[in-house]
N, C-alpha and C. Protein backbone atom coordinates (compact mmCIF):
# COMPACT_ATOMS: atom_id res chain seq x y z
N MET A 1 -46.14 23.29 10.96
CA MET A 1 -45.40 23.39 12.13
C MET A 1 -43.90 22.94 12.04
N LYS A 2 -43.07 23.83 12.55
CA LYS A 2 -41.50 23.55 12.42
C LYS A 2 -41.17 23.47 13.74
N ILE A 3 -40.24 22.38 14.11
CA ILE A 3 -39.54 22.28 15.32
C ILE A 3 -37.95 22.29 15.12
N LYS A 4 -37.44 23.18 15.54
CA LYS A 4 -35.92 23.32 15.50
C LYS A 4 -35.26 23.17 16.74
N MET A 5 -34.08 22.21 16.82
CA MET A 5 -33.39 22.03 17.93
C MET A 5 -31.88 22.62 17.66
N ILE A 6 -31.34 23.76 18.42
CA ILE A 6 -30.19 24.26 18.08
C ILE A 6 -29.29 23.72 19.35
N THR A 7 -28.18 23.15 18.95
CA THR A 7 -27.23 22.45 19.78
C THR A 7 -25.98 23.03 19.69
N VAL A 8 -25.01 22.94 20.75
CA VAL A 8 -23.66 23.50 20.63
C VAL A 8 -22.64 22.20 20.44
N GLY A 9 -21.87 22.12 19.47
CA GLY A 9 -20.89 21.16 19.15
C GLY A 9 -21.44 20.05 18.26
N LYS A 10 -20.48 19.27 17.54
CA LYS A 10 -20.90 18.23 16.64
C LYS A 10 -21.16 16.88 17.41
N LEU A 11 -22.08 16.22 16.90
CA LEU A 11 -22.45 15.08 17.41
C LEU A 11 -21.34 13.91 16.79
N LYS A 12 -20.83 13.25 17.82
CA LYS A 12 -19.77 12.34 17.30
C LYS A 12 -20.19 10.70 17.48
N GLU A 13 -21.03 10.47 18.37
CA GLU A 13 -21.44 9.12 18.87
C GLU A 13 -22.45 8.61 17.78
N LYS A 14 -21.97 7.39 17.26
CA LYS A 14 -22.75 6.96 16.14
C LYS A 14 -24.14 6.36 16.68
N TYR A 15 -24.18 5.76 17.89
CA TYR A 15 -25.48 5.34 18.36
C TYR A 15 -26.39 6.67 18.54
N LEU A 16 -25.90 7.66 19.08
CA LEU A 16 -26.81 8.86 19.24
C LEU A 16 -27.25 9.40 17.70
N LYS A 17 -26.44 9.48 16.96
CA LYS A 17 -26.86 9.85 15.68
C LYS A 17 -28.00 9.07 15.04
N GLN A 18 -27.80 7.77 15.38
CA GLN A 18 -28.87 6.80 14.81
C GLN A 18 -30.27 6.98 15.46
N GLY A 19 -30.04 7.23 16.87
CA GLY A 19 -31.29 7.37 17.64
C GLY A 19 -32.07 8.62 17.28
N ILE A 20 -31.14 9.77 16.95
CA ILE A 20 -31.89 11.06 16.49
C ILE A 20 -32.46 10.92 15.11
N ALA A 21 -31.73 10.08 14.14
CA ALA A 21 -32.24 10.02 13.02
C ALA A 21 -33.70 9.25 13.07
N GLU A 22 -33.71 8.21 13.75
CA GLU A 22 -34.94 7.48 13.91
C GLU A 22 -36.06 8.34 14.38
N TYR A 23 -35.98 9.03 15.46
CA TYR A 23 -36.88 9.98 16.02
C TYR A 23 -37.27 11.13 14.93
N SER A 24 -36.16 11.59 14.25
CA SER A 24 -36.53 12.57 13.35
C SER A 24 -37.42 12.10 12.08
N LYS A 25 -37.13 10.84 11.75
CA LYS A 25 -37.91 10.25 10.61
C LYS A 25 -39.48 10.07 11.39
N ARG A 26 -39.60 9.71 12.59
CA ARG A 26 -40.84 9.40 13.03
C ARG A 26 -41.63 10.85 13.24
N LEU A 27 -40.87 11.88 13.61
CA LEU A 27 -41.49 13.12 13.71
C LEU A 27 -41.90 13.78 12.54
N SER A 28 -41.54 13.34 11.34
CA SER A 28 -41.70 13.85 10.02
C SER A 28 -43.31 13.83 9.61
N LYS A 29 -43.95 12.65 10.40
CA LYS A 29 -45.34 12.53 10.17
C LYS A 29 -46.07 13.83 10.79
N TYR A 30 -45.51 14.52 11.68
CA TYR A 30 -46.31 15.60 12.45
C TYR A 30 -45.60 16.94 12.26
N CYS A 31 -44.47 17.07 11.86
CA CYS A 31 -43.90 18.41 11.77
C CYS A 31 -42.64 18.38 10.90
N LYS A 32 -42.21 19.44 10.57
CA LYS A 32 -40.82 19.56 10.00
C LYS A 32 -39.79 19.72 10.92
N PHE A 33 -38.81 18.83 11.06
CA PHE A 33 -37.97 18.87 12.29
C PHE A 33 -36.45 19.09 11.54
N GLU A 34 -35.68 20.19 12.30
CA GLU A 34 -34.38 20.63 11.95
C GLU A 34 -33.43 20.76 13.03
N LEU A 35 -32.38 19.96 12.92
CA LEU A 35 -31.44 20.04 13.97
C LEU A 35 -30.26 20.83 13.44
N LEU A 36 -29.95 21.89 14.09
CA LEU A 36 -28.86 22.86 13.78
C LEU A 36 -27.92 22.84 14.91
N GLU A 37 -26.53 22.64 14.43
CA GLU A 37 -25.31 22.53 15.30
C GLU A 37 -24.60 23.68 15.10
N VAL A 38 -24.27 24.34 16.25
CA VAL A 38 -23.25 25.42 16.21
C VAL A 38 -21.98 25.00 16.75
N SER A 39 -20.84 25.53 16.34
CA SER A 39 -19.60 25.13 16.82
C SER A 39 -19.45 25.66 18.19
N ASP A 40 -18.81 24.66 18.97
CA ASP A 40 -18.46 24.93 20.40
C ASP A 40 -17.18 25.94 20.52
N GLU A 41 -16.81 26.40 21.43
CA GLU A 41 -15.81 27.32 21.62
C GLU A 41 -14.77 26.54 22.25
N LYS A 42 -13.61 26.38 21.70
CA LYS A 42 -12.51 25.63 22.16
C LYS A 42 -11.97 26.44 23.41
N ALA A 43 -11.79 25.51 24.75
CA ALA A 43 -11.34 26.24 25.78
C ALA A 43 -10.58 25.21 26.51
N PRO A 44 -9.52 25.72 27.40
CA PRO A 44 -8.96 24.79 28.26
C PRO A 44 -9.74 24.24 29.33
N GLU A 45 -9.26 23.03 29.95
CA GLU A 45 -10.05 22.50 31.04
C GLU A 45 -10.40 23.26 32.14
N LYS A 46 -9.47 24.12 32.64
CA LYS A 46 -9.62 24.94 33.72
C LYS A 46 -9.88 26.38 33.30
N LEU A 47 -11.03 26.95 33.62
CA LEU A 47 -11.31 28.26 33.20
C LEU A 47 -11.83 29.16 34.28
N SER A 48 -11.32 30.55 34.34
CA SER A 48 -11.76 31.48 35.28
C SER A 48 -13.20 31.87 35.07
N GLU A 49 -13.79 32.49 35.96
CA GLU A 49 -15.24 32.85 35.74
C GLU A 49 -15.35 33.65 34.51
N ALA A 50 -14.49 34.53 34.36
CA ALA A 50 -14.51 35.49 33.10
C ALA A 50 -14.32 34.72 31.86
N GLU A 51 -13.42 33.72 31.87
CA GLU A 51 -13.19 33.05 30.79
C GLU A 51 -14.53 31.98 30.28
N MET A 52 -15.22 31.60 31.30
CA MET A 52 -16.29 30.77 31.24
C MET A 52 -17.48 31.67 30.70
N LEU A 53 -17.69 32.86 31.01
CA LEU A 53 -18.51 33.75 30.63
C LEU A 53 -18.25 33.96 29.12
N GLN A 54 -17.03 34.32 28.85
CA GLN A 54 -16.57 34.73 27.40
C GLN A 54 -17.05 33.41 26.31
N VAL A 55 -16.77 32.26 27.01
CA VAL A 55 -17.18 30.91 26.20
C VAL A 55 -18.51 30.91 25.91
N LYS A 56 -19.35 31.12 27.01
CA LYS A 56 -20.72 31.14 26.71
C LYS A 56 -21.29 32.28 25.78
N GLU A 57 -20.68 33.28 25.85
CA GLU A 57 -20.97 34.40 25.24
C GLU A 57 -20.83 34.13 23.62
N LYS A 58 -19.68 33.63 23.37
CA LYS A 58 -19.36 33.31 21.86
C LYS A 58 -20.39 32.31 21.39
N GLU A 59 -20.60 31.18 22.16
CA GLU A 59 -21.55 30.14 21.85
C GLU A 59 -22.98 30.86 21.56
N GLY A 60 -23.21 31.59 22.59
CA GLY A 60 -24.56 32.23 22.58
C GLY A 60 -24.79 33.06 21.42
N GLU A 61 -23.76 33.83 20.75
CA GLU A 61 -24.00 34.69 19.54
C GLU A 61 -24.21 33.77 18.44
N ARG A 62 -23.66 32.45 18.35
CA ARG A 62 -23.72 31.60 17.34
C ARG A 62 -25.25 31.10 17.28
N ILE A 63 -25.75 30.67 18.55
CA ILE A 63 -27.07 30.25 18.84
C ILE A 63 -28.08 31.18 18.38
N LEU A 64 -27.94 32.49 18.88
CA LEU A 64 -28.84 33.56 18.47
C LEU A 64 -29.03 33.80 16.99
N ALA A 65 -27.97 33.56 16.35
CA ALA A 65 -27.90 33.74 14.89
C ALA A 65 -28.78 32.73 14.18
N LYS A 66 -29.01 31.53 14.79
CA LYS A 66 -30.04 30.62 14.14
C LYS A 66 -31.36 30.77 14.72
N ILE A 67 -31.69 31.65 15.51
CA ILE A 67 -33.06 31.79 16.03
C ILE A 67 -33.90 32.79 15.18
N GLY A 68 -35.12 32.28 14.66
CA GLY A 68 -35.74 33.45 13.84
C GLY A 68 -36.46 34.29 14.87
N GLU A 69 -36.88 35.51 14.26
CA GLU A 69 -37.42 36.69 15.14
C GLU A 69 -38.80 36.29 15.64
N GLN A 70 -39.52 35.33 14.98
CA GLN A 70 -40.79 34.99 15.33
C GLN A 70 -40.89 33.63 16.08
N ASP A 71 -39.73 33.03 16.08
CA ASP A 71 -39.66 31.61 16.90
C ASP A 71 -40.06 31.86 18.34
N TYR A 72 -40.63 30.74 18.66
CA TYR A 72 -40.82 30.55 20.30
C TYR A 72 -39.75 29.78 20.71
N VAL A 73 -39.11 30.21 21.55
CA VAL A 73 -37.66 29.65 22.00
C VAL A 73 -37.84 28.94 23.53
N ILE A 74 -37.54 27.63 23.51
CA ILE A 74 -37.67 26.93 24.57
C ILE A 74 -36.12 26.57 24.99
N CYS A 75 -35.58 26.97 26.03
CA CYS A 75 -34.18 26.90 26.55
C CYS A 75 -34.13 25.65 27.52
N LEU A 76 -33.25 24.74 27.34
CA LEU A 76 -33.13 23.70 28.34
C LEU A 76 -32.20 24.28 29.30
N ALA A 77 -32.76 24.22 30.63
CA ALA A 77 -31.92 24.66 31.77
C ALA A 77 -32.39 24.12 33.00
N ILE A 78 -31.34 23.73 33.90
CA ILE A 78 -31.67 22.96 35.10
C ILE A 78 -32.72 23.80 35.90
N GLN A 79 -32.59 24.98 35.86
CA GLN A 79 -33.49 25.96 36.64
C GLN A 79 -34.91 26.02 36.04
N GLY A 80 -34.99 25.32 34.83
CA GLY A 80 -36.42 25.50 34.21
C GLY A 80 -37.51 24.65 34.69
N GLU A 81 -38.63 24.55 34.18
CA GLU A 81 -39.81 23.82 34.71
C GLU A 81 -39.49 22.41 34.38
N ASN A 82 -39.92 21.53 35.42
CA ASN A 82 -39.72 20.03 35.18
C ASN A 82 -41.00 19.67 34.88
N LEU A 83 -41.48 19.36 33.72
CA LEU A 83 -42.87 18.85 33.32
C LEU A 83 -42.94 17.29 33.06
N SER A 84 -44.06 16.78 33.47
CA SER A 84 -44.35 15.48 32.96
C SER A 84 -44.42 15.34 31.39
N SER A 85 -44.56 14.05 30.75
CA SER A 85 -44.78 14.18 29.39
C SER A 85 -46.08 14.82 29.03
N GLU A 86 -47.04 14.51 29.73
CA GLU A 86 -48.40 14.93 29.44
C GLU A 86 -48.42 16.52 29.61
N ASP A 87 -47.80 17.16 30.70
CA ASP A 87 -47.76 18.63 30.68
C ASP A 87 -46.93 19.21 29.63
N PHE A 88 -45.81 18.50 29.24
CA PHE A 88 -45.03 19.00 28.16
C PHE A 88 -45.83 18.99 26.83
N ALA A 89 -46.67 17.97 26.61
CA ALA A 89 -47.44 17.90 25.37
C ALA A 89 -48.26 19.04 25.31
N LYS A 90 -48.94 19.30 26.54
CA LYS A 90 -50.08 20.53 26.72
C LYS A 90 -49.26 21.82 26.44
N LYS A 91 -48.22 21.91 26.81
CA LYS A 91 -47.21 22.94 26.71
C LYS A 91 -47.10 23.45 25.31
N LEU A 92 -46.67 22.29 24.45
CA LEU A 92 -46.48 22.44 23.01
C LEU A 92 -47.64 22.65 22.29
N ASP A 93 -48.95 22.05 22.77
CA ASP A 93 -50.04 22.32 22.05
C ASP A 93 -50.46 23.85 22.23
N GLN A 94 -50.32 24.38 23.53
CA GLN A 94 -50.51 25.63 23.64
C GLN A 94 -49.92 26.61 22.84
N VAL A 95 -48.57 26.48 22.74
CA VAL A 95 -47.73 27.32 22.00
C VAL A 95 -48.29 27.27 20.48
N MET A 96 -48.52 26.13 19.98
CA MET A 96 -48.97 26.05 18.53
C MET A 96 -50.42 26.69 18.25
N LEU A 97 -51.25 26.52 19.51
CA LEU A 97 -52.53 27.34 19.28
C LEU A 97 -52.39 28.85 19.13
N GLN A 98 -51.34 29.32 20.06
CA GLN A 98 -50.96 30.79 20.00
C GLN A 98 -50.65 31.23 18.47
N GLY A 99 -50.39 30.26 17.63
CA GLY A 99 -50.12 30.58 16.25
C GLY A 99 -48.67 30.55 15.84
N LYS A 100 -47.86 30.15 16.85
CA LYS A 100 -46.47 30.14 16.55
C LYS A 100 -46.09 28.97 15.65
N SER A 101 -45.53 29.15 14.56
CA SER A 101 -45.40 28.20 13.40
C SER A 101 -43.97 27.55 13.76
N THR A 102 -42.82 28.21 14.47
CA THR A 102 -41.79 27.54 14.73
C THR A 102 -41.51 27.48 16.25
N ILE A 103 -41.24 26.31 16.67
CA ILE A 103 -40.64 26.12 18.09
C ILE A 103 -39.38 25.79 18.07
N THR A 104 -38.36 26.68 18.58
CA THR A 104 -37.05 26.33 18.74
C THR A 104 -36.70 25.96 20.01
N PHE A 105 -35.95 24.72 20.24
CA PHE A 105 -35.37 24.28 21.40
C PHE A 105 -33.85 24.61 21.40
N VAL A 106 -33.34 25.05 22.38
CA VAL A 106 -31.93 25.33 22.62
C VAL A 106 -31.30 24.42 23.80
N ILE A 107 -30.25 23.66 23.27
CA ILE A 107 -29.38 22.97 24.26
C ILE A 107 -28.02 23.74 24.24
N GLY A 108 -27.55 23.95 25.32
CA GLY A 108 -26.20 24.78 25.40
C GLY A 108 -25.05 23.68 25.36
N GLY A 109 -23.94 24.29 25.37
CA GLY A 109 -22.69 23.46 25.62
C GLY A 109 -22.60 23.11 26.96
N SER A 110 -21.28 22.68 27.31
CA SER A 110 -20.89 22.16 28.67
C SER A 110 -21.10 22.94 29.72
N LEU A 111 -20.96 24.38 29.31
CA LEU A 111 -20.97 25.46 30.26
C LEU A 111 -22.41 26.08 30.53
N GLY A 112 -23.18 25.48 29.64
CA GLY A 112 -24.76 25.92 29.59
C GLY A 112 -24.84 27.32 28.60
N LEU A 113 -25.95 27.93 28.79
CA LEU A 113 -26.42 29.04 27.93
C LEU A 113 -25.97 30.35 28.50
N SER A 114 -25.71 31.36 27.47
CA SER A 114 -25.37 32.70 27.88
C SER A 114 -26.54 33.51 28.38
N GLU A 115 -26.35 34.49 28.94
CA GLU A 115 -27.48 35.34 29.47
C GLU A 115 -28.26 35.86 28.24
N ALA A 116 -27.56 36.11 27.27
CA ALA A 116 -28.39 36.57 26.11
C ALA A 116 -29.34 35.54 25.63
N VAL A 117 -28.96 34.42 25.50
CA VAL A 117 -29.70 33.33 24.99
C VAL A 117 -30.83 33.04 26.08
N MET A 118 -30.66 33.17 27.22
CA MET A 118 -31.58 32.89 28.39
C MET A 118 -32.78 33.99 28.18
N ASN A 119 -32.27 35.29 27.91
CA ASN A 119 -33.17 36.40 27.80
C ASN A 119 -33.94 36.28 26.63
N ARG A 120 -33.56 35.58 25.68
CA ARG A 120 -34.40 35.40 24.39
C ARG A 120 -35.45 34.22 24.57
N GLY A 121 -35.07 33.45 25.50
CA GLY A 121 -36.04 32.36 25.70
C GLY A 121 -37.48 32.65 26.12
N ASN A 122 -38.48 31.92 25.63
CA ASN A 122 -39.74 32.36 26.10
C ASN A 122 -40.20 31.37 27.24
N PHE A 123 -39.42 30.13 27.27
CA PHE A 123 -39.80 29.23 28.41
C PHE A 123 -38.52 28.55 28.62
N TYR A 124 -38.48 27.89 29.77
CA TYR A 124 -37.29 27.36 30.39
C TYR A 124 -37.77 25.90 30.75
N LEU A 125 -37.18 24.68 30.17
CA LEU A 125 -37.55 23.43 30.49
C LEU A 125 -36.37 22.71 31.05
N SER A 126 -36.68 21.98 32.13
CA SER A 126 -35.87 21.25 32.81
C SER A 126 -36.11 19.76 32.82
N PHE A 127 -35.22 18.92 32.58
CA PHE A 127 -35.39 17.43 32.82
C PHE A 127 -34.88 16.63 33.94
N GLY A 128 -35.05 17.72 35.01
CA GLY A 128 -34.77 17.26 36.37
C GLY A 128 -33.41 17.86 36.89
N LYS A 129 -33.02 17.49 38.23
CA LYS A 129 -31.77 18.23 38.71
C LYS A 129 -30.63 17.45 38.24
N ALA A 130 -30.48 16.30 37.62
CA ALA A 130 -29.56 15.55 37.17
C ALA A 130 -28.80 16.24 36.03
N THR A 131 -27.60 15.99 35.78
CA THR A 131 -26.84 16.59 34.66
C THR A 131 -26.71 15.52 33.68
N TYR A 132 -27.15 15.74 32.57
CA TYR A 132 -26.89 15.00 31.49
C TYR A 132 -25.98 15.43 30.49
N PRO A 133 -25.02 14.60 29.72
CA PRO A 133 -24.14 15.07 28.73
C PRO A 133 -25.04 15.73 27.68
N HIS A 134 -24.57 16.99 27.22
CA HIS A 134 -25.42 17.73 26.21
C HIS A 134 -25.46 16.90 25.01
N GLN A 135 -24.61 16.01 24.66
CA GLN A 135 -25.01 15.24 23.42
C GLN A 135 -25.99 14.22 23.55
N LEU A 136 -26.20 13.61 24.65
CA LEU A 136 -27.19 12.75 25.08
C LEU A 136 -28.48 13.44 25.13
N MET A 137 -28.51 14.77 25.64
CA MET A 137 -29.82 15.46 25.84
C MET A 137 -30.63 15.55 24.62
N ARG A 138 -29.81 15.63 23.33
CA ARG A 138 -30.52 15.74 22.10
C ARG A 138 -31.33 14.59 21.97
N LEU A 139 -30.89 13.48 22.10
CA LEU A 139 -31.71 12.25 21.88
C LEU A 139 -33.02 12.21 22.88
N ILE A 140 -32.68 12.50 24.19
CA ILE A 140 -33.65 12.57 25.27
C ILE A 140 -34.68 13.54 24.62
N LEU A 141 -34.58 14.84 24.36
CA LEU A 141 -35.31 15.72 23.90
C LEU A 141 -36.09 15.49 22.67
N ILE A 142 -35.46 14.96 21.69
CA ILE A 142 -36.19 14.57 20.35
C ILE A 142 -37.31 13.38 20.73
N GLU A 143 -36.87 12.50 21.68
CA GLU A 143 -37.86 11.40 22.00
C GLU A 143 -39.01 11.91 22.63
N GLN A 144 -38.80 13.00 23.50
CA GLN A 144 -39.91 13.61 24.22
C GLN A 144 -40.77 14.56 23.29
N ILE A 145 -40.18 14.95 22.51
CA ILE A 145 -40.99 15.93 21.52
C ILE A 145 -41.95 14.96 20.81
N TYR A 146 -41.26 13.78 20.10
CA TYR A 146 -42.14 12.93 19.47
C TYR A 146 -43.31 12.29 20.52
N ARG A 147 -42.76 12.08 21.57
CA ARG A 147 -43.92 11.57 22.66
C ARG A 147 -45.14 12.66 22.76
N CYS A 148 -44.64 13.86 22.77
CA CYS A 148 -45.61 14.86 22.80
C CYS A 148 -46.73 14.88 21.74
N PHE A 149 -46.21 14.82 20.65
CA PHE A 149 -46.99 14.83 19.30
C PHE A 149 -48.00 13.45 19.22
N ARG A 150 -47.42 12.40 19.74
CA ARG A 150 -48.27 11.03 19.93
C ARG A 150 -49.30 11.47 20.97
N ILE A 151 -49.08 12.07 22.06
CA ILE A 151 -49.97 12.17 23.18
C ILE A 151 -51.06 13.09 22.51
N ASN A 152 -50.69 14.16 21.94
CA ASN A 152 -51.54 15.40 21.48
C ASN A 152 -52.41 14.85 20.12
N HIS A 153 -52.06 13.69 19.51
CA HIS A 153 -52.75 13.10 18.59
C HIS A 153 -53.64 12.01 19.09
N HIS A 154 -53.63 11.70 20.34
CA HIS A 154 -54.33 10.67 20.99
C HIS A 154 -53.78 9.31 20.45
N GLU A 155 -52.69 9.16 20.10
CA GLU A 155 -52.04 7.91 19.68
C GLU A 155 -51.39 7.21 20.73
N PRO A 156 -51.38 5.95 20.61
CA PRO A 156 -50.89 5.13 21.75
C PRO A 156 -49.23 5.33 21.80
N TYR A 157 -48.78 5.47 22.97
CA TYR A 157 -47.45 5.44 23.24
C TYR A 157 -47.16 4.97 24.65
N HIS A 158 -46.08 4.01 24.84
CA HIS A 158 -45.84 3.51 26.02
C HIS A 158 -45.65 4.53 27.18
N LYS A 159 -46.15 4.24 28.25
CA LYS A 159 -45.93 5.25 29.53
C LYS A 159 -44.83 4.98 30.32
């Protein structure tokens, strides 16, 4: 089983890098984990609707280039399903039982995901209506993936 996380932009904060490295190490017991960063599109602070769309499309092209043809793609999106950790674990288990060898999670940039990336998604996942920095979302997501494996292997994990 392979888990890929595709994200937009370079992670700069040392504490987030350390947290992701720790969970990546823990995940190695259960799967092969790969974090792929695509460059973000440089843009001024104030953008028109057309410019925002263009930024998302360019980032989307970079994301799509990292997704395998057979990957099961889970896009993080506010409008996605908000699952408990137990339901998220069941969802991952179901995908694995379908014979998918690679599950790819996609976290967009500050403007979100392009329509093309959303159309490639097999499932949309939300962590609630709150907005989180996309850099921090990486750590939150990898922790939840780790929690899913612990739940699915009937191993203790704090609730």
